[in-house]
Amino acid sequence: MAKGLKLRQVLAEISSIDAVVALDMSALADCLARVAARDEVAAASATVTTQANKIALIQIAGPLTPRGSWYGASLSGIASSVARAASDPDIAGIILDIDSPGGTVSGTPEAAAAVADAASKKPCVACVNTLAASAAYWIASQASEIVMTPSADVGSIGAMIMHVDYGKALEEAGIGVTIIRSEQSPLKNEAHPFGPLSDDARAFLQKRANDAGADFIKAVAGGRKVTQSKVKDEFGQGRVFGAREAIARGMADRVATMSDVIAGMLPKPPSRSARRRSALAFE
């Protein structure tokens, strides 16, 4: 009985290699239907929310993936929204409302580049409300300014690749896995989860992680206008910091609430004396 239970647990764990989560298919179908309906509504209205005061508020929330998903945000959608706001002459400034643990490397450089381009044209403030980690911090670092809410965290600079080896668990459950590859592609899916990584596969993945991490550091250095050495040595080496520590290290600029950030970007109404002078000029 215990062996059968363990087998079911192992099969559940490997039933989805990409997500490493087994979902009930009927529940998944229902969820996808609801998401499709939600996406249709979202597509009908612009992702960029423009108020009468000409400020664009763009939300970056949840795990970040290239095309988006039911559990996170779309990096391509973020890039598109930021680009539209940057090119709209009626929008005076952009606020990125960020609460994300990060996501995939794929799509992040493009979204970050869109933010950098926007920041070169008009004020673009990243408001960390309440987390900008990993890919989300990469994006935030390209804004004109990084503002953190009092309890916010930023950081997790760098890249990580995780490999899970289910080989022993499968063996104990009496399951053997045979992989047959085309002769032209002997290295295809060399990081499969049914056995340990070979030395060559580990070295290959290490280089991929190093390359992505180097790109991350270079982008942050450019966005924060510091040296790459400072980012590498003083921006946590993968750790996450609260507002006080992050600001002291140069990873963010100041602490404020989202309301304060919005109020600070709104056009200031003319003073009473200025209004009176204007009225006198037309008398």
Protein backbone atom coordinates (compact mmCIF):
# COMPACT_ATOMS: atom_id res chain seq x y z
CA MET A 1 0.00 0.00 0.00
CA ALA A 2 2.79 2.41 0.96
CA LYS A 3 4.65 1.53 -2.24
CA GLY A 4 1.55 2.27 -4.32
CA LEU A 5 1.11 5.61 -2.58
CA LYS A 6 4.74 6.51 -3.21
CA LEU A 7 4.37 5.60 -6.87
CA ARG A 8 1.37 7.88 -7.22
CA GLN A 9 3.30 10.68 -5.55
CA VAL A 10 6.23 10.25 -7.94
CA LEU A 11 3.95 10.16 -10.98
CA ALA A 12 2.16 13.27 -9.74
CA GLU A 13 5.47 15.07 -9.36
CA ILE A 14 6.68 14.26 -12.87
CA SER A 15 3.34 14.47 -14.69
CA SER A 16 4.24 18.00 -15.73
CA ILE A 17 7.97 18.49 -16.27
CA ASP A 18 7.62 22.16 -17.11
CA ALA A 19 5.43 23.19 -14.18
CA VAL A 20 6.41 20.41 -11.77
CA VAL A 21 2.80 20.55 -10.60
CA ALA A 22 0.01 18.10 -11.41
CA LEU A 23 -3.36 19.77 -11.94
CA ASP A 24 -6.76 18.15 -12.12
CA MET A 25 -7.57 18.43 -15.83
CA SER A 26 -11.25 19.30 -15.35
CA ALA A 27 -10.32 22.08 -12.95
CA LEU A 28 -7.62 23.24 -15.34
CA ALA A 29 -10.06 23.35 -18.26
CA ASP A 30 -12.51 25.39 -16.20
CA CYS A 31 -9.73 27.73 -15.10
CA LEU A 32 -8.51 28.21 -18.67
CA ALA A 33 -12.04 29.01 -19.82
CA ARG A 34 -12.37 31.69 -17.17
CA VAL A 35 -8.96 33.10 -18.08
CA ALA A 36 -9.85 33.18 -21.77
CA ALA A 37 -12.96 35.21 -20.96
CA ARG A 38 -10.94 37.53 -18.75
CA ASP A 39 -8.31 38.00 -21.45
CA GLU A 40 -10.98 38.91 -24.00
CA VAL A 41 -12.21 41.65 -21.71
CA ALA A 42 -8.65 42.78 -21.04
CA ALA A 43 -7.89 42.88 -24.75
CA ALA A 44 -10.90 45.09 -25.36
CA SER A 45 -9.54 47.70 -22.97
CA ALA A 46 -5.99 49.02 -23.07
CA THR A 47 -3.48 47.51 -20.67
CA VAL A 48 -2.29 51.03 -20.00
CA THR A 49 -4.62 52.87 -17.64
CA THR A 50 -4.63 56.56 -18.46
CA GLN A 51 -6.36 58.90 -16.06
CA ALA A 52 -7.60 62.36 -16.94
CA ASN A 53 -4.38 63.77 -15.48
CA LYS A 54 -2.36 62.05 -18.24
CA ILE A 55 -0.48 59.58 -16.04
CA ALA A 56 -0.14 55.95 -17.18
CA LEU A 57 -0.30 53.32 -14.43
CA ILE A 58 1.03 49.95 -15.58
CA GLN A 59 0.76 46.94 -13.27
CA ILE A 60 3.52 44.32 -13.14
CA ALA A 61 2.24 41.62 -10.80
CA GLY A 62 2.88 37.95 -10.18
CA PRO A 63 5.34 35.60 -11.92
CA LEU A 64 6.58 36.96 -15.25
CA THR A 65 6.45 34.82 -18.39
CA PRO A 66 6.99 35.74 -22.05
CA ARG A 67 3.34 35.51 -23.11
CA GLY A 68 1.63 35.56 -19.74
CA SER A 69 -0.45 32.87 -18.05
CA TRP A 70 -3.37 32.42 -15.70
CA TYR A 71 -1.03 32.80 -12.72
CA GLY A 72 1.21 35.68 -13.82
CA ALA A 73 1.94 38.62 -16.09
CA SER A 74 3.00 38.84 -19.72
CA LEU A 75 6.44 40.30 -20.39
CA SER A 76 5.51 41.02 -23.99
CA GLY A 77 2.34 42.73 -22.77
CA ILE A 78 4.33 44.85 -20.33
CA ALA A 79 6.75 45.89 -23.07
CA SER A 80 3.86 46.79 -25.37
CA SER A 81 2.04 48.79 -22.69
CA VAL A 82 5.15 50.74 -21.76
CA ALA A 83 5.96 51.46 -25.41
CA ARG A 84 2.44 52.76 -26.05
CA ALA A 85 2.59 55.02 -23.02
CA ALA A 86 6.02 56.29 -24.03
CA SER A 87 4.87 57.21 -27.54
CA ASP A 88 1.58 58.81 -26.45
CA PRO A 89 2.10 62.61 -26.40
CA ASP A 90 -0.87 63.02 -24.06
CA ILE A 91 0.80 60.96 -21.31
CA ALA A 92 3.19 63.03 -19.21
CA GLY A 93 4.54 60.25 -17.02
CA ILE A 94 4.50 56.52 -16.33
CA ILE A 95 4.23 54.65 -13.04
CA LEU A 96 5.09 50.95 -12.87
CA ASP A 97 3.15 49.31 -10.02
CA ILE A 98 5.38 46.31 -9.25
CA ASP A 99 4.67 43.31 -7.04
CA SER A 100 6.47 40.36 -8.59
CA PRO A 101 8.91 37.62 -7.55
CA GLY A 102 10.43 37.62 -11.05
CA GLY A 103 10.18 35.09 -13.82
CA THR A 104 11.82 33.84 -16.97
CA VAL A 105 14.88 35.29 -18.66
CA SER A 106 13.04 35.04 -21.98
CA GLY A 107 11.18 38.30 -22.51
CA THR A 108 12.77 40.20 -19.62
CA PRO A 109 15.49 42.08 -21.57
CA GLU A 110 12.86 43.25 -24.06
CA ALA A 111 10.52 44.50 -21.33
CA ALA A 112 13.43 46.20 -19.56
CA ALA A 113 14.53 47.86 -22.81
CA ALA A 114 11.02 49.25 -23.28
CA VAL A 115 11.19 50.80 -19.80
CA ALA A 116 14.64 52.27 -20.50
CA ASP A 117 13.37 53.80 -23.74
CA ALA A 118 10.34 55.25 -21.96
CA ALA A 119 12.53 56.71 -19.21
CA SER A 120 14.60 58.51 -21.86
CA LYS A 121 11.45 60.28 -23.09
CA LYS A 122 9.43 61.09 -19.97
CA PRO A 123 9.37 60.41 -16.21
CA CYS A 124 9.01 56.68 -15.58
CA VAL A 125 8.85 55.71 -11.90
CA ALA A 126 9.03 52.11 -10.70
CA CYS A 127 7.00 51.83 -7.49
CA VAL A 128 7.90 48.58 -5.71
CA ASN A 129 4.60 47.69 -4.09
CA THR A 130 5.65 45.36 -2.44
CA LEU A 131 8.23 43.17 -4.23
CA ALA A 132 10.56 43.55 -7.19
CA ALA A 133 12.76 40.48 -7.26
CA SER A 134 14.87 38.94 -10.00
CA ALA A 135 13.35 39.73 -13.43
CA ALA A 136 11.03 42.30 -11.85
CA TYR A 137 14.03 44.16 -10.43
CA TRP A 138 15.79 43.97 -13.82
CA ILE A 139 12.78 45.80 -15.28
CA ALA A 140 12.50 48.26 -12.38
CA SER A 141 16.19 49.16 -12.61
CA GLN A 142 15.61 50.76 -16.01
CA ALA A 143 13.11 53.32 -14.71
CA SER A 144 13.95 56.96 -14.01
CA GLU A 145 13.56 56.26 -10.30
CA ILE A 146 12.87 53.30 -8.01
CA VAL A 147 10.52 54.06 -5.13
CA MET A 148 9.81 51.43 -2.46
CA THR A 149 6.76 51.26 -0.25
CA PRO A 150 7.72 51.01 3.45
CA SER A 151 7.51 47.21 3.64
CA ALA A 152 8.80 46.47 0.13
CA ASP A 153 11.72 44.23 -0.86
CA VAL A 154 14.01 44.33 -3.89
CA GLY A 155 16.90 42.26 -5.20
CA SER A 156 17.54 38.65 -6.17
CA ILE A 157 19.88 39.78 -8.94
CA GLY A 158 21.22 36.87 -10.96
CA ALA A 159 20.06 33.76 -12.76
CA MET A 160 19.28 30.26 -11.53
CA ILE A 161 18.60 26.96 -13.27
CA MET A 162 17.14 24.11 -11.22
CA HIS A 163 17.45 20.43 -12.04
CA VAL A 164 15.47 17.74 -10.21
CA ASP A 165 16.58 14.10 -10.33
CA TYR A 166 13.69 11.64 -9.86
CA GLY A 167 15.82 8.65 -10.87
CA LYS A 168 16.14 7.05 -7.42
CA ALA A 169 12.49 7.62 -6.54
CA LEU A 170 11.40 5.99 -9.80
CA GLU A 171 13.77 3.09 -9.27
CA GLU A 172 12.38 2.46 -5.78
CA ALA A 173 8.89 2.55 -7.27
CA GLY A 174 9.86 -0.09 -9.80
CA ILE A 175 9.79 2.22 -12.81
CA GLY A 176 12.51 2.30 -15.43
CA VAL A 177 12.85 5.12 -17.97
CA THR A 178 14.43 4.62 -21.39
CA ILE A 179 15.30 7.67 -23.49
CA ILE A 180 15.85 7.26 -27.23
CA ARG A 181 17.19 10.25 -29.14
CA SER A 182 17.74 10.81 -32.83
CA GLU A 183 21.35 10.07 -33.74
CA GLN A 184 21.76 13.60 -35.05
CA SER A 185 20.88 15.09 -31.64
CA PRO A 186 22.61 13.10 -28.88
CA LEU A 187 22.43 16.04 -26.45
CA LYS A 188 18.71 16.71 -26.82
CA ASN A 189 17.02 17.21 -23.44
CA GLU A 190 20.21 16.27 -21.63
CA ALA A 191 18.85 17.89 -18.46
CA HIS A 192 15.89 15.50 -18.19
CA PRO A 193 14.65 14.75 -14.65
CA PHE A 194 15.00 10.96 -14.81
CA GLY A 195 18.64 10.78 -13.77
CA PRO A 196 21.63 12.84 -12.62
CA LEU A 197 23.18 15.54 -14.79
CA SER A 198 26.29 14.59 -16.72
CA ASP A 199 29.36 16.76 -16.19
CA ASP A 200 28.97 18.19 -19.69
CA ALA A 201 25.31 19.04 -19.12
CA ARG A 202 26.11 20.68 -15.79
CA ALA A 203 28.86 22.78 -17.40
CA PHE A 204 26.53 23.80 -20.23
CA LEU A 205 23.78 24.90 -17.85
CA GLN A 206 26.31 26.70 -15.66
CA LYS A 207 27.43 28.75 -18.66
CA ARG A 208 23.83 29.59 -19.55
CA ALA A 209 23.23 30.80 -15.99
CA ASN A 210 26.49 32.78 -15.95
CA ASP A 211 25.68 34.47 -19.27
CA ALA A 212 22.19 35.45 -18.14
CA GLY A 213 23.56 36.70 -14.82
CA ALA A 214 26.16 38.83 -16.60
CA ASP A 215 23.47 40.38 -18.81
CA PHE A 216 21.40 41.09 -15.70
CA ILE A 217 24.27 42.84 -13.93
CA LYS A 218 25.15 44.89 -17.02
CA ALA A 219 21.54 46.05 -17.41
CA VAL A 220 21.19 47.00 -13.74
CA ALA A 221 24.48 48.90 -13.81
CA GLY A 222 23.32 50.88 -16.83
CA GLY A 223 19.90 51.60 -15.39
CA ARG A 224 21.16 52.58 -11.94
CA LYS A 225 24.15 54.45 -13.41
CA VAL A 226 26.75 52.59 -11.38
CA THR A 227 29.61 50.27 -12.29
CA GLN A 228 29.08 46.58 -12.92
CA SER A 229 31.55 45.91 -10.10
CA LYS A 230 29.32 47.80 -7.67
CA VAL A 231 26.28 45.79 -8.71
CA LYS A 232 28.20 42.53 -8.44
CA ASP A 233 29.79 43.33 -5.07
CA GLU A 234 27.21 45.51 -3.29
CA PHE A 235 23.77 44.69 -4.69
CA GLY A 236 23.38 41.49 -2.69
CA GLN A 237 24.74 38.75 -4.98
CA GLY A 238 21.26 37.26 -5.18
CA ARG A 239 19.90 38.36 -1.81
CA VAL A 240 16.75 40.43 -1.27
CA PHE A 241 16.71 43.58 0.89
CA GLY A 242 14.16 45.79 2.57
CA ALA A 243 13.86 49.47 1.78
CA ARG A 244 16.43 50.88 4.21
CA GLU A 245 19.21 48.48 3.19
CA ALA A 246 18.37 48.67 -0.52
CA ILE A 247 18.50 52.47 -0.54
CA ALA A 248 21.78 52.47 1.39
CA ARG A 249 23.28 50.15 -1.23
CA GLY A 250 22.00 52.25 -4.14
CA MET A 251 19.46 49.69 -5.32
CA ALA A 252 16.54 52.10 -4.85
CA ASP A 253 16.05 55.83 -4.36
CA ARG A 254 13.45 56.55 -1.68
CA VAL A 255 10.50 55.29 0.35
CA ALA A 256 6.95 56.38 -0.42
CA THR A 257 3.47 54.93 -0.72
CA MET A 258 1.83 54.41 -4.09
CA SER A 259 -0.53 57.30 -3.29
CA ASP A 260 2.46 59.55 -2.69
CA VAL A 261 4.06 58.48 -5.98
CA ILE A 262 0.88 59.20 -7.91
CA ALA A 263 0.36 62.54 -6.17
CA GLY A 264 3.96 63.51 -6.86
CA MET A 265 3.54 62.93 -10.58
CA LEU A 266 0.23 64.76 -10.92
CA PRO A 267 0.37 68.23 -12.49
CA LYS A 268 0.41 70.83 -9.72
CA PRO A 269 -2.62 73.16 -9.78
CA PRO A 270 -1.72 76.84 -10.04
CA SER A 271 -1.53 78.73 -6.76
CA ARG A 272 -4.24 81.21 -5.79
CA SER A 273 -1.94 84.16 -6.48
CA ALA A 274 -1.02 82.72 -9.87
CA ARG A 275 -4.68 82.26 -10.74
CA ARG A 276 -5.41 85.83 -9.69
CA ARG A 277 -2.50 87.18 -11.79
CA SER A 278 -3.83 85.20 -14.74
CA ALA A 279 -7.32 86.62 -14.21
CA LEU A 280 -5.98 90.17 -13.99
CA ALA A 281 -4.10 89.70 -17.24
CA PHE A 282 -7.38 89.11 -19.04
CA GLU A 283 -9.32 91.94 -17.43
